[in-house]
Amino acid sequence: MNHKCKICGKEMREELYGEEMSIIHVCPDEDKIVHIKKEELIYLLKERKRLNKRIKEIRSFID
């Protein structure tokens, strides 16, 4: 699965960081290293999907 930085759009690479797979990226726009554990990223993506679905349900009640 390829991951792109939301800020600059460049690909982020997966690396073994300690004992865990991590997504590591140096963002030129933010001038800092973006580092997140792969398991955390997967959880956050699933959570975002769940919340977006919930928002759509709530909006359908309003309309």
N, C-alpha and C. Protein backbone atom coordinates (compact mmCIF):
# COMPACT_ATOMS: atom_id res chain seq x y z
N MET A 1 0.84 -1.17 0.00
CA MET A 1 0.00 0.00 0.00
C MET A 1 0.89 1.24 0.00
N ASN A 2 0.72 2.11 -0.97
CA ASN A 2 1.51 3.34 -1.03
C ASN A 2 0.82 4.42 -0.22
N HIS A 3 1.62 5.17 0.50
CA HIS A 3 1.09 6.25 1.32
C HIS A 3 1.67 7.55 0.80
N LYS A 4 0.82 8.56 0.64
CA LYS A 4 1.28 9.86 0.19
C LYS A 4 1.07 10.88 1.30
N CYS A 5 1.98 11.82 1.37
CA CYS A 5 1.89 12.89 2.35
C CYS A 5 0.72 13.80 2.00
N LYS A 6 -0.12 14.10 2.98
CA LYS A 6 -1.28 14.97 2.75
C LYS A 6 -0.85 16.42 2.51
N ILE A 7 0.34 16.78 2.92
CA ILE A 7 0.80 18.16 2.80
C ILE A 7 1.47 18.42 1.46
N CYS A 8 2.46 17.59 1.11
CA CYS A 8 3.22 17.85 -0.12
C CYS A 8 2.89 16.88 -1.26
N GLY A 9 2.22 15.76 -0.96
CA GLY A 9 1.82 14.81 -1.99
C GLY A 9 2.88 13.79 -2.38
N LYS A 10 4.05 13.85 -1.76
CA LYS A 10 5.12 12.90 -2.10
C LYS A 10 4.88 11.56 -1.41
N GLU A 11 5.45 10.52 -2.01
CA GLU A 11 5.33 9.17 -1.44
C GLU A 11 6.11 9.08 -0.13
N MET A 12 5.54 8.37 0.82
CA MET A 12 6.24 8.11 2.08
C MET A 12 6.71 6.66 2.03
N ARG A 13 7.85 6.38 2.62
CA ARG A 13 8.40 5.03 2.55
C ARG A 13 8.17 4.28 3.86
N GLU A 14 8.06 2.97 3.72
CA GLU A 14 7.93 2.11 4.90
C GLU A 14 9.32 1.66 5.31
N GLU A 15 9.60 1.69 6.60
CA GLU A 15 10.89 1.24 7.11
C GLU A 15 10.69 0.51 8.41
N LEU A 16 11.64 -0.34 8.70
CA LEU A 16 11.65 -0.99 10.01
C LEU A 16 12.27 0.01 10.97
N TYR A 17 11.48 0.47 11.93
CA TYR A 17 11.93 1.46 12.91
C TYR A 17 11.91 0.79 14.26
N GLY A 18 13.08 0.42 14.75
CA GLY A 18 13.13 -0.40 15.96
C GLY A 18 12.67 -1.79 15.57
N GLU A 19 11.61 -2.26 16.18
CA GLU A 19 11.07 -3.58 15.86
C GLU A 19 9.76 -3.50 15.08
N GLU A 20 9.30 -2.29 14.77
CA GLU A 20 8.00 -2.14 14.12
C GLU A 20 8.15 -1.47 12.77
N MET A 21 7.24 -1.84 11.85
CA MET A 21 7.20 -1.17 10.56
C MET A 21 6.61 0.21 10.77
N SER A 22 7.24 1.20 10.17
CA SER A 22 6.79 2.57 10.31
C SER A 22 6.76 3.25 8.95
N ILE A 23 5.98 4.30 8.88
CA ILE A 23 5.96 5.14 7.69
C ILE A 23 6.81 6.36 8.04
N ILE A 24 7.85 6.60 7.24
CA ILE A 24 8.77 7.70 7.52
C ILE A 24 8.83 8.61 6.29
N HIS A 25 8.80 9.91 6.55
CA HIS A 25 8.80 10.87 5.45
C HIS A 25 9.34 12.20 5.95
N VAL A 26 10.20 12.82 5.16
CA VAL A 26 10.67 14.17 5.49
C VAL A 26 9.89 15.12 4.59
N CYS A 27 9.00 15.88 5.19
CA CYS A 27 8.14 16.77 4.42
C CYS A 27 8.84 18.11 4.20
N PRO A 28 9.11 18.47 2.93
CA PRO A 28 9.80 19.73 2.67
C PRO A 28 8.93 20.95 3.00
N ASP A 29 7.62 20.82 2.88
CA ASP A 29 6.72 21.94 3.16
C ASP A 29 6.64 22.24 4.65
N GLU A 30 6.71 21.21 5.46
CA GLU A 30 6.63 21.39 6.91
C GLU A 30 8.01 21.45 7.55
N ASP A 31 9.04 21.07 6.79
CA ASP A 31 10.42 21.07 7.26
C ASP A 31 10.58 20.23 8.53
N LYS A 32 9.92 19.08 8.54
CA LYS A 32 10.07 18.18 9.68
C LYS A 32 9.84 16.74 9.24
N ILE A 33 10.25 15.82 10.07
CA ILE A 33 10.07 14.40 9.78
C ILE A 33 8.69 13.96 10.24
N VAL A 34 7.97 13.31 9.35
CA VAL A 34 6.67 12.73 9.70
C VAL A 34 6.93 11.25 9.95
N HIS A 35 6.61 10.76 11.12
CA HIS A 35 6.87 9.37 11.48
C HIS A 35 5.64 8.81 12.17
N ILE A 36 5.13 7.71 11.68
CA ILE A 36 3.95 7.09 12.29
C ILE A 36 4.08 5.58 12.17
N LYS A 37 3.66 4.87 13.20
CA LYS A 37 3.69 3.42 13.16
C LYS A 37 2.65 2.94 12.16
N LYS A 38 2.98 1.90 11.44
CA LYS A 38 2.08 1.40 10.40
C LYS A 38 0.74 0.97 10.99
N GLU A 39 0.77 0.33 12.16
CA GLU A 39 -0.49 -0.11 12.78
C GLU A 39 -1.36 1.09 13.14
N GLU A 40 -0.72 2.16 13.61
CA GLU A 40 -1.46 3.38 13.95
C GLU A 40 -2.10 3.98 12.71
N LEU A 41 -1.36 4.01 11.62
CA LEU A 41 -1.87 4.57 10.38
C LEU A 41 -3.07 3.78 9.89
N ILE A 42 -2.98 2.46 9.92
CA ILE A 42 -4.10 1.61 9.50
C ILE A 42 -5.32 1.88 10.37
N TYR A 43 -5.11 1.98 11.70
CA TYR A 43 -6.21 2.27 12.62
C TYR A 43 -6.84 3.62 12.31
N LEU A 44 -6.00 4.64 12.09
CA LEU A 44 -6.51 5.99 11.83
C LEU A 44 -7.29 6.05 10.52
N LEU A 45 -6.83 5.33 9.50
CA LEU A 45 -7.55 5.30 8.23
C LEU A 45 -8.92 4.65 8.38
N LYS A 46 -8.98 3.55 9.14
CA LYS A 46 -10.25 2.88 9.39
C LYS A 46 -11.18 3.77 10.21
N GLU A 47 -10.63 4.45 11.20
CA GLU A 47 -11.42 5.35 12.05
C GLU A 47 -11.97 6.52 11.23
N ARG A 48 -11.15 7.06 10.33
CA ARG A 48 -11.61 8.15 9.46
C ARG A 48 -12.76 7.69 8.59
N LYS A 49 -12.64 6.49 8.05
CA LYS A 49 -13.70 5.94 7.20
C LYS A 49 -14.99 5.77 8.00
N ARG A 50 -14.87 5.27 9.23
CA ARG A 50 -16.04 5.08 10.09
C ARG A 50 -16.70 6.41 10.43
N LEU A 51 -15.87 7.40 10.75
CA LEU A 51 -16.41 8.71 11.11
C LEU A 51 -17.06 9.41 9.92
N ASN A 52 -16.46 9.27 8.74
CA ASN A 52 -17.06 9.86 7.54
C ASN A 52 -18.42 9.24 7.25
N LYS A 53 -18.53 7.94 7.46
CA LYS A 53 -19.81 7.25 7.27
C LYS A 53 -20.85 7.78 8.26
N ARG A 54 -20.42 7.97 9.50
CA ARG A 54 -21.32 8.49 10.54
C ARG A 54 -21.76 9.92 10.22
N ILE A 55 -20.85 10.74 9.72
CA ILE A 55 -21.18 12.12 9.33
C ILE A 55 -22.23 12.12 8.23
N LYS A 56 -22.09 11.23 7.25
CA LYS A 56 -23.08 11.13 6.17
C LYS A 56 -24.45 10.76 6.72
N GLU A 57 -24.48 9.82 7.67
CA GLU A 57 -25.74 9.43 8.29
C GLU A 57 -26.40 10.61 9.00
N ILE A 58 -25.62 11.35 9.74
CA ILE A 58 -26.15 12.51 10.48
C ILE A 58 -26.64 13.58 9.51
N ARG A 59 -25.89 13.83 8.45
CA ARG A 59 -26.31 14.83 7.46
C ARG A 59 -27.61 14.43 6.77
N SER A 60 -27.81 13.13 6.59
CA SER A 60 -29.05 12.68 5.94
C SER A 60 -30.26 12.96 6.82
N PHE A 61 -30.09 12.97 8.14
CA PHE A 61 -31.19 13.31 9.05
C PHE A 61 -31.49 14.80 8.99
N ILE A 62 -30.46 15.62 8.78
CA ILE A 62 -30.63 17.08 8.75
C ILE A 62 -31.34 17.50 7.47
N ASP A 63 -30.98 16.90 6.35
CA ASP A 63 -31.56 17.28 5.05
C ASP A 63 -32.95 16.83 4.92
